[in-house]
Amino acid sequence: MIPLAVIEPGGDLATSLYIISFSLFIFGVRRGTHPTTAKQGNLIAAAGMAVAVTTTLLLDGIGNWGLIIGGLAVGTTVGVVASLRVQMTQMPQMVALYNGVGGGAVALIAWSEFR
């Protein structure tokens, strides 16, 4: 049987990949502050997120793949539908909603860890 996890949590490889990831986030946010480079900044930050998510999913100890894939499918579906339906004039409300949902997710994670 081939193990799904290939990266040791807290190891040098995981740490290096997370440093690359947050560096891409920072550089992407910096590029996103000007209208002419905002699209490039979003792509750079998205690459950082892809590195972070991939690294996390490859860590030893990650389980319940069905729940993970189900959550990714639901989140992707909601995001695609919302991005196709929302008008540009509604964008601030959509960003506020996403920030609120993200805060709620963090609260649930904190509660779960506290328990």
PDB file of N, CA and C in Angstrom:
ATOM      1  N   MET A   1       0.843  -1.194   0.000  1.00  0.00           N
ATOM      2  CA  MET A   1       0.000   0.000   0.000  1.00  0.00           C
ATOM      3  C   MET A   1       0.879   1.245   0.000  1.00  0.00           C
ATOM      4  N   ILE A   2       0.548   2.196  -0.831  1.00  0.00           N
ATOM      5  CA  ILE A   2       1.307   3.437  -0.927  1.00  0.00           C
ATOM      6  C   ILE A   2       0.696   4.454   0.030  1.00  0.00           C
ATOM      7  N   PRO A   3       1.492   5.027   0.926  1.00  0.00           N
ATOM      8  CA  PRO A   3       0.933   6.018   1.852  1.00  0.00           C
ATOM      9  C   PRO A   3       0.581   7.312   1.110  1.00  0.00           C
ATOM     10  N   LEU A   4      -0.530   7.936   1.535  1.00  0.00           N
ATOM     11  CA  LEU A   4      -0.938   9.205   0.936  1.00  0.00           C
ATOM     12  C   LEU A   4      -0.084  10.368   1.427  1.00  0.00           C
ATOM     13  N   ALA A   5       0.337  10.300   2.672  1.00  0.00           N
ATOM     14  CA  ALA A   5       1.128  11.387   3.258  1.00  0.00           C
ATOM     15  C   ALA A   5       2.597  11.201   2.902  1.00  0.00           C
ATOM     16  N   VAL A   6       3.216  12.262   2.457  1.00  0.00           N
ATOM     17  CA  VAL A   6       4.621  12.164   2.060  1.00  0.00           C
ATOM     18  C   VAL A   6       5.497  13.199   2.754  1.00  0.00           C
ATOM     19  N   ILE A   7       4.905  14.086   3.526  1.00  0.00           N
ATOM     20  CA  ILE A   7       5.671  15.150   4.173  1.00  0.00           C
ATOM     21  C   ILE A   7       5.520  15.030   5.685  1.00  0.00           C
ATOM     22  N   GLU A   8       6.625  15.092   6.385  1.00  0.00           N
ATOM     23  CA  GLU A   8       6.624  15.036   7.851  1.00  0.00           C
ATOM     24  C   GLU A   8       6.213  16.400   8.421  1.00  0.00           C
ATOM     25  N   PRO A   9       5.178  16.462   9.272  1.00  0.00           N
ATOM     26  CA  PRO A   9       4.802  17.739   9.885  1.00  0.00           C
ATOM     27  C   PRO A   9       5.961  18.323  10.688  1.00  0.00           C
ATOM     28  N   GLY A  10       6.235  19.593  10.509  1.00  0.00           N
ATOM     29  CA  GLY A  10       7.311  20.264  11.225  1.00  0.00           C
ATOM     30  C   GLY A  10       8.686  19.982  10.654  1.00  0.00           C
ATOM     31  N   GLY A  11       8.749  19.201   9.570  1.00  0.00           N
ATOM     32  CA  GLY A  11      10.031  18.896   8.952  1.00  0.00           C
ATOM     33  C   GLY A  11      10.537  20.045   8.089  1.00  0.00           C
ATOM     34  N   ASP A  12      11.760  19.875   7.597  1.00  0.00           N
ATOM     35  CA  ASP A  12      12.375  20.925   6.792  1.00  0.00           C
ATOM     36  C   ASP A  12      11.616  21.196   5.497  1.00  0.00           C
ATOM     37  N   LEU A  13      11.126  20.145   4.836  1.00  0.00           N
ATOM     38  CA  LEU A  13      10.403  20.332   3.579  1.00  0.00           C
ATOM     39  C   LEU A  13       9.107  21.099   3.807  1.00  0.00           C
ATOM     40  N   ALA A  14       8.336  20.694   4.814  1.00  0.00           N
ATOM     41  CA  ALA A  14       7.070  21.380   5.107  1.00  0.00           C
ATOM     42  C   ALA A  14       7.319  22.841   5.467  1.00  0.00           C
ATOM     43  N   THR A  15       8.328  23.087   6.291  1.00  0.00           N
ATOM     44  CA  THR A  15       8.651  24.456   6.694  1.00  0.00           C
ATOM     45  C   THR A  15       9.053  25.290   5.486  1.00  0.00           C
ATOM     46  N   SER A  16       9.863  24.734   4.615  1.00  0.00           N
ATOM     47  CA  SER A  16      10.301  25.460   3.409  1.00  0.00           C
ATOM     48  C   SER A  16       9.117  25.782   2.505  1.00  0.00           C
ATOM     49  N   LEU A  17       8.231  24.823   2.322  1.00  0.00           N
ATOM     50  CA  LEU A  17       7.064  25.067   1.469  1.00  0.00           C
ATOM     51  C   LEU A  17       6.138  26.123   2.064  1.00  0.00           C
ATOM     52  N   TYR A  18       5.977  26.126   3.391  1.00  0.00           N
ATOM     53  CA  TYR A  18       5.148  27.158   4.018  1.00  0.00           C
ATOM     54  C   TYR A  18       5.803  28.538   3.914  1.00  0.00           C
ATOM     55  N   ILE A  19       7.122  28.607   3.992  1.00  0.00           N
ATOM     56  CA  ILE A  19       7.816  29.899   3.810  1.00  0.00           C
ATOM     57  C   ILE A  19       7.604  30.396   2.387  1.00  0.00           C
ATOM     58  N   ILE A  20       7.721  29.508   1.411  1.00  0.00           N
ATOM     59  CA  ILE A  20       7.459  29.890   0.018  1.00  0.00           C
ATOM     60  C   ILE A  20       6.027  30.383  -0.121  1.00  0.00           C
ATOM     61  N   SER A  21       5.103  29.670   0.514  1.00  0.00           N
ATOM     62  CA  SER A  21       3.690  30.016   0.425  1.00  0.00           C
ATOM     63  C   SER A  21       3.402  31.406   0.981  1.00  0.00           C
ATOM     64  N   PHE A  22       3.857  31.682   2.211  1.00  0.00           N
ATOM     65  CA  PHE A  22       3.535  33.006   2.766  1.00  0.00           C
ATOM     66  C   PHE A  22       4.318  34.111   2.067  1.00  0.00           C
ATOM     67  N   SER A  23       5.463  33.788   1.491  1.00  0.00           N
ATOM     68  CA  SER A  23       6.187  34.786   0.696  1.00  0.00           C
ATOM     69  C   SER A  23       5.388  35.150  -0.552  1.00  0.00           C
ATOM     70  N   LEU A  24       4.791  34.148  -1.187  1.00  0.00           N
ATOM     71  CA  LEU A  24       3.945  34.422  -2.350  1.00  0.00           C
ATOM     72  C   LEU A  24       2.715  35.223  -1.952  1.00  0.00           C
ATOM     73  N   PHE A  25       2.126  34.927  -0.788  1.00  0.00           N
ATOM     74  CA  PHE A  25       0.987  35.717  -0.302  1.00  0.00           C
ATOM     75  C   PHE A  25       1.370  37.185  -0.161  1.00  0.00           C
ATOM     76  N   ILE A  26       2.477  37.433   0.514  1.00  0.00           N
ATOM     77  CA  ILE A  26       2.915  38.811   0.765  1.00  0.00           C
ATOM     78  C   ILE A  26       3.203  39.529  -0.546  1.00  0.00           C
ATOM     79  N   PHE A  27       3.931  38.867  -1.437  1.00  0.00           N
ATOM     80  CA  PHE A  27       4.244  39.483  -2.728  1.00  0.00           C
ATOM     81  C   PHE A  27       2.970  39.717  -3.536  1.00  0.00           C
ATOM     82  N   GLY A  28       2.030  38.775  -3.485  1.00  0.00           N
ATOM     83  CA  GLY A  28       0.770  38.934  -4.199  1.00  0.00           C
ATOM     84  C   GLY A  28      -0.055  40.092  -3.666  1.00  0.00           C
ATOM     85  N   VAL A  29      -0.110  40.243  -2.340  1.00  0.00           N
ATOM     86  CA  VAL A  29      -0.844  41.370  -1.757  1.00  0.00           C
ATOM     87  C   VAL A  29      -0.190  42.685  -2.154  1.00  0.00           C
ATOM     88  N   ARG A  30       1.118  42.707  -2.155  1.00  0.00           N
ATOM     89  CA  ARG A  30       1.828  43.930  -2.558  1.00  0.00           C
ATOM     90  C   ARG A  30       1.527  44.289  -4.007  1.00  0.00           C
ATOM     91  N   ARG A  31       1.489  43.295  -4.891  1.00  0.00           N
ATOM     92  CA  ARG A  31       1.171  43.547  -6.300  1.00  0.00           C
ATOM     93  C   ARG A  31      -0.310  43.903  -6.478  1.00  0.00           C
ATOM     94  N   GLY A  32      -1.142  43.499  -5.529  1.00  0.00           N
ATOM     95  CA  GLY A  32      -2.569  43.772  -5.645  1.00  0.00           C
ATOM     96  C   GLY A  32      -2.986  45.162  -5.231  1.00  0.00           C
ATOM     97  N   THR A  33      -2.053  46.000  -4.834  1.00  0.00           N
ATOM     98  CA  THR A  33      -2.398  47.336  -4.359  1.00  0.00           C
ATOM     99  C   THR A  33      -2.518  48.370  -5.468  1.00  0.00           C
ATOM    100  N   HIS A  34      -2.199  48.011  -6.693  1.00  0.00           N
ATOM    101  CA  HIS A  34      -2.287  48.953  -7.804  1.00  0.00           C
ATOM    102  C   HIS A  34      -3.139  48.343  -8.918  1.00  0.00           C
ATOM    103  N   PRO A  35      -4.011  49.135  -9.530  1.00  0.00           N
ATOM    104  CA  PRO A  35      -4.914  48.586 -10.550  1.00  0.00           C
ATOM    105  C   PRO A  35      -4.204  47.890 -11.716  1.00  0.00           C
ATOM    106  N   THR A  36      -3.040  48.354 -12.101  1.00  0.00           N
ATOM    107  CA  THR A  36      -2.366  47.750 -13.254  1.00  0.00           C
ATOM    108  C   THR A  36      -1.706  46.410 -12.921  1.00  0.00           C
ATOM    109  N   THR A  37      -1.438  46.148 -11.651  1.00  0.00           N
ATOM    110  CA  THR A  37      -0.775  44.890 -11.267  1.00  0.00           C
ATOM    111  C   THR A  37      -1.669  43.998 -10.404  1.00  0.00           C
ATOM    112  N   ALA A  38      -2.930  44.393 -10.197  1.00  0.00           N
ATOM    113  CA  ALA A  38      -3.820  43.652  -9.301  1.00  0.00           C
ATOM    114  C   ALA A  38      -4.093  42.232  -9.796  1.00  0.00           C
ATOM    115  N   LYS A  39      -4.283  42.052 -11.089  1.00  0.00           N
ATOM    116  CA  LYS A  39      -4.549  40.718 -11.618  1.00  0.00           C
ATOM    117  C   LYS A  39      -3.345  39.809 -11.392  1.00  0.00           C
ATOM    118  N   GLN A  40      -2.157  40.345 -11.638  1.00  0.00           N
ATOM    119  CA  GLN A  40      -0.937  39.573 -11.404  1.00  0.00           C
ATOM    120  C   GLN A  40      -0.799  39.236  -9.914  1.00  0.00           C
ATOM    121  N   GLY A  41      -1.126  40.196  -9.047  1.00  0.00           N
ATOM    122  CA  GLY A  41      -1.065  39.955  -7.613  1.00  0.00           C
ATOM    123  C   GLY A  41      -2.000  38.847  -7.174  1.00  0.00           C
ATOM    124  N   ASN A  42      -3.216  38.818  -7.727  1.00  0.00           N
ATOM    125  CA  ASN A  42      -4.164  37.753  -7.398  1.00  0.00           C
ATOM    126  C   ASN A  42      -3.634  36.391  -7.826  1.00  0.00           C
ATOM    127  N   LEU A  43      -3.022  36.327  -9.005  1.00  0.00           N
ATOM    128  CA  LEU A  43      -2.480  35.056  -9.479  1.00  0.00           C
ATOM    129  C   LEU A  43      -1.317  34.581  -8.611  1.00  0.00           C
ATOM    130  N   ILE A  44      -0.470  35.500  -8.186  1.00  0.00           N
ATOM    131  CA  ILE A  44       0.668  35.138  -7.326  1.00  0.00           C
ATOM    132  C   ILE A  44       0.165  34.644  -5.968  1.00  0.00           C
ATOM    133  N   ALA A  45      -0.807  35.357  -5.399  1.00  0.00           N
ATOM    134  CA  ALA A  45      -1.372  34.935  -4.113  1.00  0.00           C
ATOM    135  C   ALA A  45      -2.095  33.591  -4.247  1.00  0.00           C
ATOM    136  N   ALA A  46      -2.767  33.368  -5.369  1.00  0.00           N
ATOM    137  CA  ALA A  46      -3.431  32.080  -5.601  1.00  0.00           C
ATOM    138  C   ALA A  46      -2.408  30.946  -5.684  1.00  0.00           C
ATOM    139  N   ALA A  47      -1.261  31.216  -6.289  1.00  0.00           N
ATOM    140  CA  ALA A  47      -0.195  30.204  -6.328  1.00  0.00           C
ATOM    141  C   ALA A  47       0.292  29.898  -4.915  1.00  0.00           C
ATOM    142  N   GLY A  48       0.417  30.920  -4.082  1.00  0.00           N
ATOM    143  CA  GLY A  48       0.804  30.710  -2.687  1.00  0.00           C
ATOM    144  C   GLY A  48      -0.214  29.861  -1.949  1.00  0.00           C
ATOM    145  N   MET A  49      -1.490  30.105  -2.191  1.00  0.00           N
ATOM    146  CA  MET A  49      -2.539  29.307  -1.563  1.00  0.00           C
ATOM    147  C   MET A  49      -2.470  27.864  -2.047  1.00  0.00           C
ATOM    148  N   ALA A  50      -2.212  27.659  -3.330  1.00  0.00           N
ATOM    149  CA  ALA A  50      -2.098  26.295  -3.863  1.00  0.00           C
ATOM    150  C   ALA A  50      -0.943  25.543  -3.200  1.00  0.00           C
ATOM    151  N   VAL A  51       0.181  26.220  -3.000  1.00  0.00           N
ATOM    152  CA  VAL A  51       1.320  25.593  -2.332  1.00  0.00           C
ATOM    153  C   VAL A  51       0.947  25.237  -0.890  1.00  0.00           C
ATOM    154  N   ALA A  52       0.291  26.150  -0.185  1.00  0.00           N
ATOM    155  CA  ALA A  52      -0.077  25.906   1.215  1.00  0.00           C
ATOM    156  C   ALA A  52      -1.072  24.753   1.348  1.00  0.00           C
ATOM    157  N   VAL A  53      -2.090  24.733   0.507  1.00  0.00           N
ATOM    158  CA  VAL A  53      -3.106  23.680   0.584  1.00  0.00           C
ATOM    159  C   VAL A  53      -2.497  22.325   0.226  1.00  0.00           C
ATOM    160  N   THR A  54      -1.707  22.290  -0.843  1.00  0.00           N
ATOM    161  CA  THR A  54      -1.075  21.036  -1.248  1.00  0.00           C
ATOM    162  C   THR A  54      -0.147  20.514  -0.153  1.00  0.00           C
ATOM    163  N   THR A  55       0.638  21.404   0.429  1.00  0.00           N
ATOM    164  CA  THR A  55       1.543  21.001   1.517  1.00  0.00           C
ATOM    165  C   THR A  55       0.754  20.433   2.684  1.00  0.00           C
ATOM    166  N   THR A  56      -0.311  21.102   3.075  1.00  0.00           N
ATOM    167  CA  THR A  56      -1.115  20.648   4.205  1.00  0.00           C
ATOM    168  C   THR A  56      -1.752  19.290   3.926  1.00  0.00           C
ATOM    169  N   LEU A  57      -2.259  19.100   2.713  1.00  0.00           N
ATOM    170  CA  LEU A  57      -2.896  17.824   2.386  1.00  0.00           C
ATOM    171  C   LEU A  57      -1.900  16.676   2.296  1.00  0.00           C
ATOM    172  N   LEU A  58      -0.633  16.979   2.069  1.00  0.00           N
ATOM    173  CA  LEU A  58       0.390  15.932   1.988  1.00  0.00           C
ATOM    174  C   LEU A  58       1.041  15.617   3.329  1.00  0.00           C
ATOM    175  N   LEU A  59       0.667  16.325   4.387  1.00  0.00           N
ATOM    176  CA  LEU A  59       1.245  16.067   5.704  1.00  0.00           C
ATOM    177  C   LEU A  59       0.789  14.727   6.254  1.00  0.00           C
ATOM    178  N   ASP A  60       1.667  14.094   7.005  1.00  0.00           N
ATOM    179  CA  ASP A  60       1.336  12.854   7.689  1.00  0.00           C
ATOM    180  C   ASP A  60       0.289  13.148   8.764  1.00  0.00           C
ATOM    181  N   GLY A  61      -0.754  12.360   8.832  1.00  0.00           N
ATOM    182  CA  GLY A  61      -1.779  12.549   9.847  1.00  0.00           C
ATOM    183  C   GLY A  61      -3.060  13.159   9.322  1.00  0.00           C
ATOM    184  N   ILE A  62      -3.074  13.566   8.060  1.00  0.00           N
ATOM    185  CA  ILE A  62      -4.293  14.103   7.470  1.00  0.00           C
ATOM    186  C   ILE A  62      -5.207  12.921   7.156  1.00  0.00           C
ATOM    187  N   GLY A  63      -6.460  13.005   7.572  1.00  0.00           N
ATOM    188  CA  GLY A  63      -7.381  11.896   7.369  1.00  0.00           C
ATOM    189  C   GLY A  63      -8.724  12.363   6.879  1.00  0.00           C
ATOM    190  N   ASN A  64      -9.654  11.431   6.769  1.00  0.00           N
ATOM    191  CA  ASN A  64     -11.026  11.678   6.332  1.00  0.00           C
ATOM    192  C   ASN A  64     -11.056  12.389   4.982  1.00  0.00           C
ATOM    193  N   TRP A  65     -10.478  11.740   3.998  1.00  0.00           N
ATOM    194  CA  TRP A  65     -10.376  12.325   2.662  1.00  0.00           C
ATOM    195  C   TRP A  65     -11.737  12.587   2.038  1.00  0.00           C
ATOM    196  N   GLY A  66     -12.734  11.785   2.355  1.00  0.00           N
ATOM    197  CA  GLY A  66     -14.072  12.014   1.818  1.00  0.00           C
ATOM    198  C   GLY A  66     -14.628  13.354   2.249  1.00  0.00           C
ATOM    199  N   LEU A  67     -14.446  13.689   3.525  1.00  0.00           N
ATOM    200  CA  LEU A  67     -14.916  14.976   4.043  1.00  0.00           C
ATOM    201  C   LEU A  67     -14.137  16.137   3.416  1.00  0.00           C
ATOM    202  N   ILE A  68     -12.846  15.964   3.238  1.00  0.00           N
ATOM    203  CA  ILE A  68     -12.023  17.014   2.625  1.00  0.00           C
ATOM    204  C   ILE A  68     -12.461  17.259   1.184  1.00  0.00           C
ATOM    205  N   ILE A  69     -12.618  16.201   0.413  1.00  0.00           N
ATOM    206  CA  ILE A  69     -13.019  16.340  -0.994  1.00  0.00           C
ATOM    207  C   ILE A  69     -14.432  16.903  -1.091  1.00  0.00           C
ATOM    208  N   GLY A  70     -15.325  16.470  -0.202  1.00  0.00           N
ATOM    209  CA  GLY A  70     -16.679  17.016  -0.189  1.00  0.00           C
ATOM    210  C   GLY A  70     -16.693  18.506   0.106  1.00  0.00           C
ATOM    211  N   GLY A  71     -15.898  18.936   1.079  1.00  0.00           N
ATOM    212  CA  GLY A  71     -15.811  20.362   1.400  1.00  0.00           C
ATOM    213  C   GLY A  71     -15.249  21.182   0.252  1.00  0.00           C
ATOM    214  N   LEU A  72     -14.214  20.647  -0.413  1.00  0.00           N
ATOM    215  CA  LEU A  72     -13.655  21.339  -1.582  1.00  0.00           C
ATOM    216  C   LEU A  72     -14.689  21.455  -2.707  1.00  0.00           C
ATOM    217  N   ALA A  73     -15.463  20.394  -2.919  1.00  0.00           N
ATOM    218  CA  ALA A  73     -16.481  20.415  -3.975  1.00  0.00           C
ATOM    219  C   ALA A  73     -17.571  21.438  -3.673  1.00  0.00           C
ATOM    220  N   VAL A  74     -18.060  21.442  -2.437  1.00  0.00           N
ATOM    221  CA  VAL A  74     -19.110  22.396  -2.063  1.00  0.00           C
ATOM    222  C   VAL A  74     -18.588  23.829  -2.158  1.00  0.00           C
ATOM    223  N   GLY A  75     -17.401  24.075  -1.607  1.00  0.00           N
ATOM    224  CA  GLY A  75     -16.826  25.422  -1.652  1.00  0.00           C
ATOM    225  C   GLY A  75     -16.573  25.902  -3.064  1.00  0.00           C
ATOM    226  N   THR A  76     -16.075  25.018  -3.921  1.00  0.00           N
ATOM    227  CA  THR A  76     -15.835  25.382  -5.313  1.00  0.00           C
ATOM    228  C   THR A  76     -17.133  25.706  -6.025  1.00  0.00           C
ATOM    229  N   THR A  77     -18.153  24.892  -5.807  1.00  0.00           N
ATOM    230  CA  THR A  77     -19.445  25.128  -6.445  1.00  0.00           C
ATOM    231  C   THR A  77     -20.040  26.468  -6.023  1.00  0.00           C
ATOM    232  N   VAL A  78     -20.042  26.739  -4.728  1.00  0.00           N
ATOM    233  CA  VAL A  78     -20.586  28.011  -4.229  1.00  0.00           C
ATOM    234  C   VAL A  78     -19.785  29.188  -4.785  1.00  0.00           C
ATOM    235  N   GLY A  79     -18.472  29.089  -4.789  1.00  0.00           N
ATOM    236  CA  GLY A  79     -17.628  30.173  -5.284  1.00  0.00           C
ATOM    237  C   GLY A  79     -17.820  30.452  -6.764  1.00  0.00           C
ATOM    238  N   VAL A  80     -17.906  29.395  -7.577  1.00  0.00           N
ATOM    239  CA  VAL A  80     -18.091  29.576  -9.017  1.00  0.00           C
ATOM    240  C   VAL A  80     -19.450  30.197  -9.310  1.00  0.00           C
ATOM    241  N   VAL A  81     -20.496  29.677  -8.676  1.00  0.00           N
ATOM    242  CA  VAL A  81     -21.838  30.226  -8.906  1.00  0.00           C
ATOM    243  C   VAL A  81     -21.895  31.692  -8.471  1.00  0.00           C
ATOM    244  N   ALA A  82     -21.346  32.004  -7.303  1.00  0.00           N
ATOM    245  CA  ALA A  82     -21.370  33.390  -6.819  1.00  0.00           C
ATOM    246  C   ALA A  82     -20.581  34.308  -7.744  1.00  0.00           C
ATOM    247  N   SER A  83     -19.421  33.862  -8.211  1.00  0.00           N
ATOM    248  CA  SER A  83     -18.601  34.736  -9.060  1.00  0.00           C
ATOM    249  C   SER A  83     -19.255  34.989 -10.412  1.00  0.00           C
ATOM    250  N   LEU A  84     -20.063  34.052 -10.890  1.00  0.00           N
ATOM    251  CA  LEU A  84     -20.736  34.255 -12.166  1.00  0.00           C
ATOM    252  C   LEU A  84     -21.980  35.128 -12.042  1.00  0.00           C
ATOM    253  N   ARG A  85     -22.593  35.143 -10.876  1.00  0.00           N
ATOM    254  CA  ARG A  85     -23.856  35.868 -10.704  1.00  0.00           C
ATOM    255  C   ARG A  85     -23.715  37.269 -10.129  1.00  0.00           C
ATOM    256  N   VAL A  86     -22.647  37.545  -9.418  1.00  0.00           N
ATOM    257  CA  VAL A  86     -22.519  38.828  -8.718  1.00  0.00           C
ATOM    258  C   VAL A  86     -22.062  39.918  -9.689  1.00  0.00           C
ATOM    259  N   GLN A  87     -22.765  41.042  -9.660  1.00  0.00           N
ATOM    260  CA  GLN A  87     -22.387  42.189 -10.475  1.00  0.00           C
ATOM    261  C   GLN A  87     -21.233  42.929  -9.807  1.00  0.00           C
ATOM    262  N   MET A  88     -20.491  43.693 -10.584  1.00  0.00           N
ATOM    263  CA  MET A  88     -19.343  44.440 -10.040  1.00  0.00           C
ATOM    264  C   MET A  88     -19.775  45.416  -8.943  1.00  0.00           C
ATOM    265  N   THR A  89     -20.986  45.959  -9.046  1.00  0.00           N
ATOM    266  CA  THR A  89     -21.441  46.909  -8.032  1.00  0.00           C
ATOM    267  C   THR A  89     -21.749  46.219  -6.705  1.00  0.00           C
ATOM    268  N   GLN A  90     -21.880  44.891  -6.710  1.00  0.00           N
ATOM    269  CA  GLN A  90     -22.154  44.140  -5.494  1.00  0.00           C
ATOM    270  C   GLN A  90     -20.886  43.540  -4.891  1.00  0.00           C
ATOM    271  N   MET A  91     -19.758  43.814  -5.496  1.00  0.00           N
ATOM    272  CA  MET A  91     -18.511  43.191  -5.059  1.00  0.00           C
ATOM    273  C   MET A  91     -18.144  43.497  -3.602  1.00  0.00           C
ATOM    274  N   PRO A  92     -18.307  44.739  -3.108  1.00  0.00           N
ATOM    275  CA  PRO A  92     -17.969  44.977  -1.688  1.00  0.00           C
ATOM    276  C   PRO A  92     -18.808  44.123  -0.733  1.00  0.00           C
ATOM    277  N   GLN A  93     -20.082  43.924  -1.040  1.00  0.00           N
ATOM    278  CA  GLN A  93     -20.926  43.087  -0.200  1.00  0.00           C
ATOM    279  C   GLN A  93     -20.471  41.632  -0.255  1.00  0.00           C
ATOM    280  N   MET A  94     -20.052  41.177  -1.446  1.00  0.00           N
ATOM    281  CA  MET A  94     -19.598  39.797  -1.586  1.00  0.00           C
ATOM    282  C   MET A  94     -18.308  39.572  -0.805  1.00  0.00           C
ATOM    283  N   VAL A  95     -17.406  40.524  -0.872  1.00  0.00           N
ATOM    284  CA  VAL A  95     -16.154  40.405  -0.117  1.00  0.00           C
ATOM    285  C   VAL A  95     -16.447  40.391   1.376  1.00  0.00           C
ATOM    286  N   ALA A  96     -17.362  41.238   1.833  1.00  0.00           N
ATOM    287  CA  ALA A  96     -17.732  41.264   3.246  1.00  0.00           C
ATOM    288  C   ALA A  96     -18.342  39.933   3.674  1.00  0.00           C
ATOM    289  N   LEU A  97     -19.184  39.357   2.816  1.00  0.00           N
ATOM    290  CA  LEU A  97     -19.783  38.058   3.118  1.00  0.00           C
ATOM    291  C   LEU A  97     -18.707  36.976   3.224  1.00  0.00           C
ATOM    292  N   TYR A  98     -17.770  36.950   2.280  1.00  0.00           N
ATOM    293  CA  TYR A  98     -16.694  35.956   2.317  1.00  0.00           C
ATOM    294  C   TYR A  98     -15.821  36.138   3.557  1.00  0.00           C
ATOM    295  N   ASN A  99     -15.553  37.371   3.940  1.00  0.00           N
ATOM    296  CA  ASN A  99     -14.769  37.611   5.150  1.00  0.00           C
ATOM    297  C   ASN A  99     -15.517  37.112   6.389  1.00  0.00           C
ATOM    298  N   GLY A 100     -16.808  37.336   6.419  1.00  0.00           N
ATOM    299  CA  GLY A 100     -17.615  36.853   7.538  1.00  0.00           C
ATOM    300  C   GLY A 100     -17.645  35.341   7.606  1.00  0.00           C
ATOM    301  N   VAL A 101     -17.788  34.690   6.458  1.00  0.00           N
ATOM    302  CA  VAL A 101     -17.786  33.227   6.420  1.00  0.00           C
ATOM    303  C   VAL A 101     -16.418  32.696   6.854  1.00  0.00           C
ATOM    304  N   GLY A 102     -15.349  33.352   6.411  1.00  0.00           N
ATOM    305  CA  GLY A 102     -13.997  32.948   6.827  1.00  0.00           C
ATOM    306  C   GLY A 102     -13.812  33.098   8.323  1.00  0.00           C
ATOM    307  N   GLY A 103     -14.323  34.181   8.892  1.00  0.00           N
ATOM    308  CA  GLY A 103     -14.250  34.372  10.337  1.00  0.00           C
ATOM    309  C   GLY A 103     -15.041  33.310  11.078  1.00  0.00           C
ATOM    310  N   GLY A 104     -16.196  32.944  10.544  1.00  0.00           N
ATOM    311  CA  GLY A 104     -16.988  31.881  11.146  1.00  0.00           C
ATOM    312  C   GLY A 104     -16.258  30.537  11.094  1.00  0.00           C
ATOM    313  N   ALA A 105     -15.572  30.274   9.977  1.00  0.00           N
ATOM    314  CA  ALA A 105     -14.804  29.028   9.858  1.00  0.00           C
ATOM    315  C   ALA A 105     -13.679  28.997  10.884  1.00  0.00           C
ATOM    316  N   VAL A 106     -13.010  30.125  11.063  1.00  0.00           N
ATOM    317  CA  VAL A 106     -11.932  30.194  12.060  1.00  0.00           C
ATOM    318  C   VAL A 106     -12.497  29.976  13.461  1.00  0.00           C
ATOM    319  N   ALA A 107     -13.655  30.537  13.743  1.00  0.00           N
ATOM    320  CA  ALA A 107     -14.281  30.346  15.056  1.00  0.00           C
ATOM    321  C   ALA A 107     -14.614  28.872  15.285  1.00  0.00           C
ATOM    322  N   LEU A 108     -15.112  28.189  14.258  1.00  0.00           N
ATOM    323  CA  LEU A 108     -15.422  26.764  14.400  1.00  0.00           C
ATOM    324  C   LEU A 108     -14.157  25.929  14.612  1.00  0.00           C
ATOM    325  N   ILE A 109     -13.093  26.283  13.910  1.00  0.00           N
ATOM    326  CA  ILE A 109     -11.828  25.569  14.091  1.00  0.00           C
ATOM    327  C   ILE A 109     -11.290  25.795  15.500  1.00  0.00           C
ATOM    328  N   ALA A 110     -11.338  27.038  15.975  1.00  0.00           N
ATOM    329  CA  ALA A 110     -10.869  27.342  17.320  1.00  0.00           C
ATOM    330  C   ALA A 110     -11.694  26.582  18.366  1.00  0.00           C
ATOM    331  N   TRP A 111     -13.010  26.545  18.174  1.00  0.00           N
ATOM    332  CA  TRP A 111     -13.870  25.815  19.103  1.00  0.00           C
ATOM    333  C   TRP A 111     -13.531  24.333  19.094  1.00  0.00           C
ATOM    334  N   SER A 112     -13.300  23.783  17.906  1.00  0.00           N
ATOM    335  CA  SER A 112     -12.956  22.367  17.780  1.00  0.00           C
ATOM    336  C   SER A 112     -11.648  22.053  18.479  1.00  0.00           C
ATOM    337  N   GLU A 113     -10.643  22.918  18.309  1.00  0.00           N
ATOM    338  CA  GLU A 113      -9.351  22.712  18.949  1.00  0.00           C
ATOM    339  C   GLU A 113      -9.450  22.886  20.470  1.00  0.00           C
ATOM    340  N   PHE A 114     -10.286  23.804  20.904  1.00  0.00           N
ATOM    341  CA  PHE A 114     -10.469  24.040  22.333  1.00  0.00           C
ATOM    342  C   PHE A 114     -11.079  22.823  23.008  1.00  0.00           C
ATOM    343  N   ARG A 115     -12.032  22.202  22.321  1.00  0.00           N
ATOM    344  CA  ARG A 115     -12.696  21.007  22.864  1.00  0.00           C
ATOM    345  C   ARG A 115     -11.706  19.908  23.026  1.00  0.00           C
TER     346      ARG A 115
END
